[in-house]
Amino acid sequence: MFPLKVILIEDDPMVREVHRQFIDRIEGFAIIGIASNGMEGLRLVNELRPDLAIIDLYMPYMGGLEMLRKLRSEAYSIDVIAITAASDIETIHGVLQQGAVDYVMKPFTFDRIKQSLDNYKNYRVKLGEKKALLQEELDQLLFIDRKEECERENLPKGLNMNTLTKITSFISRENEPVSAEEVAESIGMARVTARRYLDYLEKEGKVKIHIHYGGVGRPINRYGV
């Protein structure tokens, strides 16, 4: 069964590359095709028969929701994870009605993508092992780990989860460790505020400090995943 075969359907080349890099870091998955819209995605599904499609919703020619509806109407045996900026209830409901196994909002973090794919992998393993499940086992498959919710509730005073997500997403996209000043400029905040978030992420083990020794002056702390 492994690796599970994945296709990526996303019109933004930069976002596709982030997806690719993230998935390459997660054991048990192999990307076998990439498409930039739903029409190309349907062709890949028909030709390659993947296990999982990771789709955006807003794309030219054919969006992700329309593609998902066609997959279901034509009874393709494929699972779908939506990764999109759409946050309105109507869209979310429509995607979940069509049987998506997860819905991840942009901007996303590596941890959230890993959580989604690990849950899916566990789901596939369990389904392959047994012909029937106990209620407790089914509950474990249907409900994702609530670690992120707990983290949200336990954030230090003054820190915001949305801002934290933006910072971790920015750091994940960069090829080299970044400074607090670079984070502040990217997110649009004061350097001292960015430093508070970075100190928290470092304490939680979400980022690592890389000390950069340049010319004259104090060394600069840079942060990377």
C-alpha atoms as a PDB file:
ATOM      1  CA  MET A   1       0.000   0.000   0.000  1.00  0.00           C
ATOM      2  CA  PHE A   2       2.837   2.393   0.749  1.00  0.00           C
ATOM      3  CA  PRO A   3       3.875   4.864  -0.374  1.00  0.00           C
ATOM      4  CA  LEU A   4       0.441   6.385  -0.865  1.00  0.00           C
ATOM      5  CA  LYS A   5       0.204   8.037  -4.284  1.00  0.00           C
ATOM      6  CA  VAL A   6      -0.566  11.767  -4.226  1.00  0.00           C
ATOM      7  CA  ILE A   7      -1.406  14.346  -6.890  1.00  0.00           C
ATOM      8  CA  LEU A   8      -1.193  18.109  -6.254  1.00  0.00           C
ATOM      9  CA  ILE A   9      -3.723  20.431  -7.888  1.00  0.00           C
ATOM     10  CA  GLU A  10      -2.823  24.085  -7.299  1.00  0.00           C
ATOM     11  CA  ASP A  11      -2.497  26.966  -9.758  1.00  0.00           C
ATOM     12  CA  ASP A  12       0.104  28.988  -7.807  1.00  0.00           C
ATOM     13  CA  PRO A  13       3.613  27.631  -8.594  1.00  0.00           C
ATOM     14  CA  MET A  14       5.071  28.897  -5.302  1.00  0.00           C
ATOM     15  CA  VAL A  15       2.340  27.240  -3.237  1.00  0.00           C
ATOM     16  CA  ARG A  16       2.750  24.016  -5.241  1.00  0.00           C
ATOM     17  CA  GLU A  17       6.443  24.017  -4.383  1.00  0.00           C
ATOM     18  CA  VAL A  18       5.681  24.510  -0.668  1.00  0.00           C
ATOM     19  CA  HIS A  19       3.250  21.569  -0.850  1.00  0.00           C
ATOM     20  CA  ARG A  20       5.865  19.443  -2.587  1.00  0.00           C
ATOM     21  CA  GLN A  21       8.593  20.233  -0.060  1.00  0.00           C
ATOM     22  CA  PHE A  22       6.279  19.565   2.886  1.00  0.00           C
ATOM     23  CA  ILE A  23       5.006  16.241   1.509  1.00  0.00           C
ATOM     24  CA  ASP A  24       8.537  15.095   0.669  1.00  0.00           C
ATOM     25  CA  ARG A  25       9.336  15.438   4.391  1.00  0.00           C
ATOM     26  CA  ILE A  26       6.456  13.157   5.458  1.00  0.00           C
ATOM     27  CA  GLU A  27       7.053   9.430   5.375  1.00  0.00           C
ATOM     28  CA  GLY A  28       4.628   7.224   3.470  1.00  0.00           C
ATOM     29  CA  PHE A  29       3.668   9.502   0.559  1.00  0.00           C
ATOM     30  CA  ALA A  30       4.888   9.930  -3.022  1.00  0.00           C
ATOM     31  CA  ILE A  31       3.829  12.719  -5.371  1.00  0.00           C
ATOM     32  CA  ILE A  32       3.090  11.176  -8.773  1.00  0.00           C
ATOM     33  CA  GLY A  33       1.514  14.122 -10.579  1.00  0.00           C
ATOM     34  CA  ILE A  34       0.983  17.892 -10.482  1.00  0.00           C
ATOM     35  CA  ALA A  35      -1.802  19.936 -12.115  1.00  0.00           C
ATOM     36  CA  SER A  36      -2.645  23.643 -12.227  1.00  0.00           C
ATOM     37  CA  ASN A  37      -6.449  23.378 -12.498  1.00  0.00           C
ATOM     38  CA  GLY A  38      -9.338  20.977 -12.022  1.00  0.00           C
ATOM     39  CA  MET A  39      -9.498  19.881 -15.654  1.00  0.00           C
ATOM     40  CA  GLU A  40      -5.858  18.779 -15.586  1.00  0.00           C
ATOM     41  CA  GLY A  41      -6.501  17.208 -12.199  1.00  0.00           C
ATOM     42  CA  LEU A  42      -9.319  15.034 -13.546  1.00  0.00           C
ATOM     43  CA  ARG A  43      -7.065  13.853 -16.355  1.00  0.00           C
ATOM     44  CA  LEU A  44      -4.355  12.891 -13.835  1.00  0.00           C
ATOM     45  CA  VAL A  45      -6.862  11.014 -11.688  1.00  0.00           C
ATOM     46  CA  ASN A  46      -8.032   9.065 -14.723  1.00  0.00           C
ATOM     47  CA  GLU A  47      -4.506   8.275 -15.931  1.00  0.00           C
ATOM     48  CA  LEU A  48      -2.617   7.717 -12.662  1.00  0.00           C
ATOM     49  CA  ARG A  49      -5.291   6.445 -10.234  1.00  0.00           C
ATOM     50  CA  PRO A  50      -3.813   8.146  -7.138  1.00  0.00           C
ATOM     51  CA  ASP A  51      -4.867   7.421  -3.573  1.00  0.00           C
ATOM     52  CA  LEU A  52      -5.097  11.078  -2.567  1.00  0.00           C
ATOM     53  CA  ALA A  53      -5.612  14.436  -4.283  1.00  0.00           C
ATOM     54  CA  ILE A  54      -4.593  17.658  -2.554  1.00  0.00           C
ATOM     55  CA  ILE A  55      -6.593  20.429  -4.183  1.00  0.00           C
ATOM     56  CA  ASP A  56      -6.970  24.192  -4.108  1.00  0.00           C
ATOM     57  CA  LEU A  57     -10.457  25.608  -4.664  1.00  0.00           C
ATOM     58  CA  TYR A  58      -9.848  28.843  -6.568  1.00  0.00           C
ATOM     59  CA  MET A  59      -8.304  27.860  -9.921  1.00  0.00           C
ATOM     60  CA  PRO A  60      -8.885  28.806 -13.578  1.00  0.00           C
ATOM     61  CA  TYR A  61     -10.896  26.656 -16.011  1.00  0.00           C
ATOM     62  CA  MET A  62     -12.210  24.397 -13.245  1.00  0.00           C
ATOM     63  CA  GLY A  63     -12.072  25.050  -9.497  1.00  0.00           C
ATOM     64  CA  GLY A  64     -11.481  22.470  -6.812  1.00  0.00           C
ATOM     65  CA  LEU A  65     -15.094  22.169  -5.654  1.00  0.00           C
ATOM     66  CA  GLU A  66     -16.339  21.538  -9.198  1.00  0.00           C
ATOM     67  CA  MET A  67     -13.592  18.963  -9.682  1.00  0.00           C
ATOM     68  CA  LEU A  68     -14.543  17.259  -6.411  1.00  0.00           C
ATOM     69  CA  ARG A  69     -18.186  17.071  -7.504  1.00  0.00           C
ATOM     70  CA  LYS A  70     -17.147  15.459 -10.792  1.00  0.00           C
ATOM     71  CA  LEU A  71     -14.969  12.940  -8.970  1.00  0.00           C
ATOM     72  CA  ARG A  72     -17.932  11.919  -6.849  1.00  0.00           C
ATOM     73  CA  SER A  73     -20.460  11.868  -9.718  1.00  0.00           C
ATOM     74  CA  GLU A  74     -18.145   9.602 -11.731  1.00  0.00           C
ATOM     75  CA  ALA A  75     -17.467   7.401  -8.666  1.00  0.00           C
ATOM     76  CA  TYR A  76     -13.678   7.664  -8.662  1.00  0.00           C
ATOM     77  CA  SER A  77     -12.112   5.862  -5.712  1.00  0.00           C
ATOM     78  CA  ILE A  78      -9.912   8.683  -4.443  1.00  0.00           C
ATOM     79  CA  ASP A  79      -9.657  10.693  -1.239  1.00  0.00           C
ATOM     80  CA  VAL A  80      -9.312  14.479  -1.202  1.00  0.00           C
ATOM     81  CA  ILE A  81      -7.757  17.040   1.129  1.00  0.00           C
ATOM     82  CA  ALA A  82      -8.644  20.671   0.370  1.00  0.00           C
ATOM     83  CA  ILE A  83      -5.952  23.274   1.099  1.00  0.00           C
ATOM     84  CA  THR A  84      -7.376  26.705   0.351  1.00  0.00           C
ATOM     85  CA  ALA A  85      -7.826  30.303   1.431  1.00  0.00           C
ATOM     86  CA  ALA A  86     -11.625  29.915   1.372  1.00  0.00           C
ATOM     87  CA  SER A  87     -13.026  30.345   4.879  1.00  0.00           C
ATOM     88  CA  ASP A  88     -16.745  30.979   4.267  1.00  0.00           C
ATOM     89  CA  ILE A  89     -19.197  28.477   5.690  1.00  0.00           C
ATOM     90  CA  GLU A  90     -20.929  27.760   2.363  1.00  0.00           C
ATOM     91  CA  THR A  91     -17.685  26.678   0.701  1.00  0.00           C
ATOM     92  CA  ILE A  92     -16.490  24.655   3.674  1.00  0.00           C
ATOM     93  CA  HIS A  93     -19.854  22.888   3.886  1.00  0.00           C
ATOM     94  CA  GLY A  94     -19.841  22.186   0.157  1.00  0.00           C
ATOM     95  CA  VAL A  95     -16.393  20.610   0.252  1.00  0.00           C
ATOM     96  CA  LEU A  96     -17.168  18.468   3.293  1.00  0.00           C
ATOM     97  CA  GLN A  97     -20.488  17.392   1.754  1.00  0.00           C
ATOM     98  CA  GLN A  98     -18.500  15.966  -1.157  1.00  0.00           C
ATOM     99  CA  GLY A  99     -16.484  13.791   1.211  1.00  0.00           C
ATOM    100  CA  ALA A 100     -13.152  15.605   1.646  1.00  0.00           C
ATOM    101  CA  VAL A 101     -11.181  13.933   4.441  1.00  0.00           C
ATOM    102  CA  ASP A 102      -9.728  17.241   5.639  1.00  0.00           C
ATOM    103  CA  TYR A 103      -9.941  20.990   5.029  1.00  0.00           C
ATOM    104  CA  VAL A 104      -6.812  23.084   5.658  1.00  0.00           C
ATOM    105  CA  MET A 105      -6.917  26.877   5.428  1.00  0.00           C
ATOM    106  CA  LYS A 106      -4.128  29.032   4.077  1.00  0.00           C
ATOM    107  CA  PRO A 107      -1.778  30.222   5.410  1.00  0.00           C
ATOM    108  CA  PHE A 108      -0.869  26.769   6.670  1.00  0.00           C
ATOM    109  CA  THR A 109       2.050  25.366   8.637  1.00  0.00           C
ATOM    110  CA  PHE A 110       4.106  22.237   8.122  1.00  0.00           C
ATOM    111  CA  ASP A 111       2.743  20.850  11.406  1.00  0.00           C
ATOM    112  CA  ARG A 112      -0.858  21.193  10.178  1.00  0.00           C
ATOM    113  CA  ILE A 113      -0.090  19.499   6.847  1.00  0.00           C
ATOM    114  CA  LYS A 114       1.810  16.732   8.631  1.00  0.00           C
ATOM    115  CA  GLN A 115      -1.089  16.254  11.024  1.00  0.00           C
ATOM    116  CA  SER A 116      -3.498  15.972   8.100  1.00  0.00           C
ATOM    117  CA  LEU A 117      -1.397  13.448   6.175  1.00  0.00           C
ATOM    118  CA  ASP A 118      -0.490  11.398   9.252  1.00  0.00           C
ATOM    119  CA  ASN A 119      -4.188  11.156  10.138  1.00  0.00           C
ATOM    120  CA  TYR A 120      -4.959  10.064   6.597  1.00  0.00           C
ATOM    121  CA  LYS A 121      -2.155   7.498   6.617  1.00  0.00           C
ATOM    122  CA  ASN A 122      -3.396   6.097   9.931  1.00  0.00           C
ATOM    123  CA  TYR A 123      -6.905   5.929   8.476  1.00  0.00           C
ATOM    124  CA  ARG A 124      -5.688   3.938   5.475  1.00  0.00           C
ATOM    125  CA  VAL A 125      -3.636   1.586   7.631  1.00  0.00           C
ATOM    126  CA  LYS A 126      -6.579   0.856   9.937  1.00  0.00           C
ATOM    127  CA  LEU A 127      -8.938   0.246   7.032  1.00  0.00           C
ATOM    128  CA  GLY A 128      -6.430  -2.149   5.490  1.00  0.00           C
ATOM    129  CA  GLU A 129      -5.941  -4.115   8.690  1.00  0.00           C
ATOM    130  CA  LYS A 130      -9.540  -4.910   9.621  1.00  0.00           C
ATOM    131  CA  LYS A 131     -12.911  -5.802   8.158  1.00  0.00           C
ATOM    132  CA  ALA A 132     -14.773  -4.115  11.014  1.00  0.00           C
ATOM    133  CA  LEU A 133     -14.047  -1.433  13.631  1.00  0.00           C
ATOM    134  CA  LEU A 134     -15.097  -0.787  17.210  1.00  0.00           C
ATOM    135  CA  GLN A 135     -16.700   2.602  17.926  1.00  0.00           C
ATOM    136  CA  GLU A 136     -13.586   3.729  19.809  1.00  0.00           C
ATOM    137  CA  GLU A 137     -11.375   2.842  16.844  1.00  0.00           C
ATOM    138  CA  LEU A 138     -13.690   4.670  14.443  1.00  0.00           C
ATOM    139  CA  ASP A 139     -13.700   7.751  16.670  1.00  0.00           C
ATOM    140  CA  GLN A 140      -9.910   7.836  16.554  1.00  0.00           C
ATOM    141  CA  LEU A 141     -10.035   7.809  12.756  1.00  0.00           C
ATOM    142  CA  LEU A 142     -12.727  10.460  12.367  1.00  0.00           C
ATOM    143  CA  PHE A 143     -11.590  13.072  14.858  1.00  0.00           C
ATOM    144  CA  ILE A 144      -8.188  14.721  14.427  1.00  0.00           C
ATOM    145  CA  ASP A 145      -5.802  15.395  17.263  1.00  0.00           C
ATOM    146  CA  ARG A 146      -6.772  18.537  19.168  1.00  0.00           C
ATOM    147  CA  LYS A 147      -3.201  19.546  19.961  1.00  0.00           C
ATOM    148  CA  GLU A 148      -3.501  22.788  17.985  1.00  0.00           C
ATOM    149  CA  GLU A 149      -6.654  23.784  19.893  1.00  0.00           C
ATOM    150  CA  CYS A 150      -4.875  23.192  23.199  1.00  0.00           C
ATOM    151  CA  GLU A 151      -1.943  25.279  22.025  1.00  0.00           C
ATOM    152  CA  ARG A 152      -4.342  28.077  21.076  1.00  0.00           C
ATOM    153  CA  GLU A 153      -5.819  28.083  24.567  1.00  0.00           C
ATOM    154  CA  ASN A 154      -2.412  27.995  26.254  1.00  0.00           C
ATOM    155  CA  LEU A 155      -0.683  30.774  24.310  1.00  0.00           C
ATOM    156  CA  PRO A 156       1.037  33.375  26.516  1.00  0.00           C
ATOM    157  CA  LYS A 157      -0.895  36.606  27.018  1.00  0.00           C
ATOM    158  CA  GLY A 158      -0.466  38.964  24.084  1.00  0.00           C
ATOM    159  CA  LEU A 159       0.258  36.292  21.474  1.00  0.00           C
ATOM    160  CA  ASN A 160      -2.255  35.558  18.735  1.00  0.00           C
ATOM    161  CA  MET A 161      -2.618  32.164  17.003  1.00  0.00           C
ATOM    162  CA  ASN A 162      -3.301  33.696  13.573  1.00  0.00           C
ATOM    163  CA  THR A 163      -0.145  35.796  13.785  1.00  0.00           C
ATOM    164  CA  LEU A 164       1.804  32.792  15.046  1.00  0.00           C
ATOM    165  CA  THR A 165       0.596  30.775  12.050  1.00  0.00           C
ATOM    166  CA  LYS A 166       1.668  33.520   9.638  1.00  0.00           C
ATOM    167  CA  ILE A 167       5.144  33.613  11.179  1.00  0.00           C
ATOM    168  CA  THR A 168       5.660  29.843  11.093  1.00  0.00           C
ATOM    169  CA  SER A 169       4.399  29.741   7.507  1.00  0.00           C
ATOM    170  CA  PHE A 170       6.838  32.486   6.499  1.00  0.00           C
ATOM    171  CA  ILE A 171       9.777  30.719   8.166  1.00  0.00           C
ATOM    172  CA  SER A 172       8.830  27.391   6.553  1.00  0.00           C
ATOM    173  CA  ARG A 173       8.852  28.954   3.074  1.00  0.00           C
ATOM    174  CA  GLU A 174      12.326  30.448   3.438  1.00  0.00           C
ATOM    175  CA  ASN A 175      15.344  28.461   2.277  1.00  0.00           C
ATOM    176  CA  GLU A 176      17.614  30.029   4.921  1.00  0.00           C
ATOM    177  CA  PRO A 177      17.065  30.968   8.584  1.00  0.00           C
ATOM    178  CA  VAL A 178      15.581  34.449   9.030  1.00  0.00           C
ATOM    179  CA  SER A 179      16.123  37.246  11.547  1.00  0.00           C
ATOM    180  CA  ALA A 180      13.509  38.869  13.781  1.00  0.00           C
ATOM    181  CA  GLU A 181      13.785  41.998  11.637  1.00  0.00           C
ATOM    182  CA  GLU A 182      12.989  40.027   8.465  1.00  0.00           C
ATOM    183  CA  VAL A 183      10.009  38.372  10.154  1.00  0.00           C
ATOM    184  CA  ALA A 184       8.733  41.750  11.390  1.00  0.00           C
ATOM    185  CA  GLU A 185       9.018  43.271   7.910  1.00  0.00           C
ATOM    186  CA  SER A 186       7.266  40.320   6.258  1.00  0.00           C
ATOM    187  CA  ILE A 187       4.350  40.113   8.702  1.00  0.00           C
ATOM    188  CA  GLY A 188       4.042  43.869   9.314  1.00  0.00           C
ATOM    189  CA  MET A 189       4.822  44.236  13.005  1.00  0.00           C
ATOM    190  CA  ALA A 190       7.399  45.725  15.337  1.00  0.00           C
ATOM    191  CA  ARG A 191      10.711  43.891  15.648  1.00  0.00           C
ATOM    192  CA  VAL A 192      10.288  43.517  19.425  1.00  0.00           C
ATOM    193  CA  THR A 193       6.879  41.869  18.865  1.00  0.00           C
ATOM    194  CA  ALA A 194       8.324  39.496  16.286  1.00  0.00           C
ATOM    195  CA  ARG A 195      11.050  38.592  18.768  1.00  0.00           C
ATOM    196  CA  ARG A 196       8.419  37.619  21.372  1.00  0.00           C
ATOM    197  CA  TYR A 197       6.776  35.214  18.925  1.00  0.00           C
ATOM    198  CA  LEU A 198      10.134  33.788  17.852  1.00  0.00           C
ATOM    199  CA  ASP A 199      11.241  33.287  21.457  1.00  0.00           C
ATOM    200  CA  TYR A 200       7.990  31.402  22.125  1.00  0.00           C
ATOM    201  CA  LEU A 201       8.409  29.225  19.018  1.00  0.00           C
ATOM    202  CA  GLU A 202      12.000  28.437  19.978  1.00  0.00           C
ATOM    203  CA  LYS A 203      10.978  27.515  23.537  1.00  0.00           C
ATOM    204  CA  GLU A 204       8.276  25.195  22.146  1.00  0.00           C
ATOM    205  CA  GLY A 205      10.758  23.533  19.802  1.00  0.00           C
ATOM    206  CA  LYS A 206       8.977  24.792  16.666  1.00  0.00           C
ATOM    207  CA  VAL A 207      12.011  26.705  15.369  1.00  0.00           C
ATOM    208  CA  LYS A 208      15.754  26.526  15.941  1.00  0.00           C
ATOM    209  CA  ILE A 209      18.137  29.418  16.570  1.00  0.00           C
ATOM    210  CA  HIS A 210      21.100  29.772  14.239  1.00  0.00           C
ATOM    211  CA  ILE A 211      23.641  32.305  15.478  1.00  0.00           C
ATOM    212  CA  HIS A 212      25.114  34.326  12.614  1.00  0.00           C
ATOM    213  CA  TYR A 213      28.517  35.903  13.207  1.00  0.00           C
ATOM    214  CA  GLY A 214      29.056  38.761  10.784  1.00  0.00           C
ATOM    215  CA  GLY A 215      31.379  41.717  10.960  1.00  0.00           C
ATOM    216  CA  VAL A 216      31.655  44.214  13.793  1.00  0.00           C
ATOM    217  CA  GLY A 217      28.902  44.085  16.392  1.00  0.00           C
ATOM    218  CA  ARG A 218      26.837  41.502  18.210  1.00  0.00           C
ATOM    219  CA  PRO A 219      25.977  38.189  16.496  1.00  0.00           C
ATOM    220  CA  ILE A 220      22.500  37.966  14.976  1.00  0.00           C
ATOM    221  CA  ASN A 221      20.014  35.279  15.957  1.00  0.00           C
ATOM    222  CA  ARG A 222      18.355  33.718  12.925  1.00  0.00           C
ATOM    223  CA  TYR A 223      15.452  31.286  13.058  1.00  0.00           C
ATOM    224  CA  GLY A 224      14.702  28.246  10.920  1.00  0.00           C
ATOM    225  CA  VAL A 225      12.690  25.010  11.045  1.00  0.00           C
END
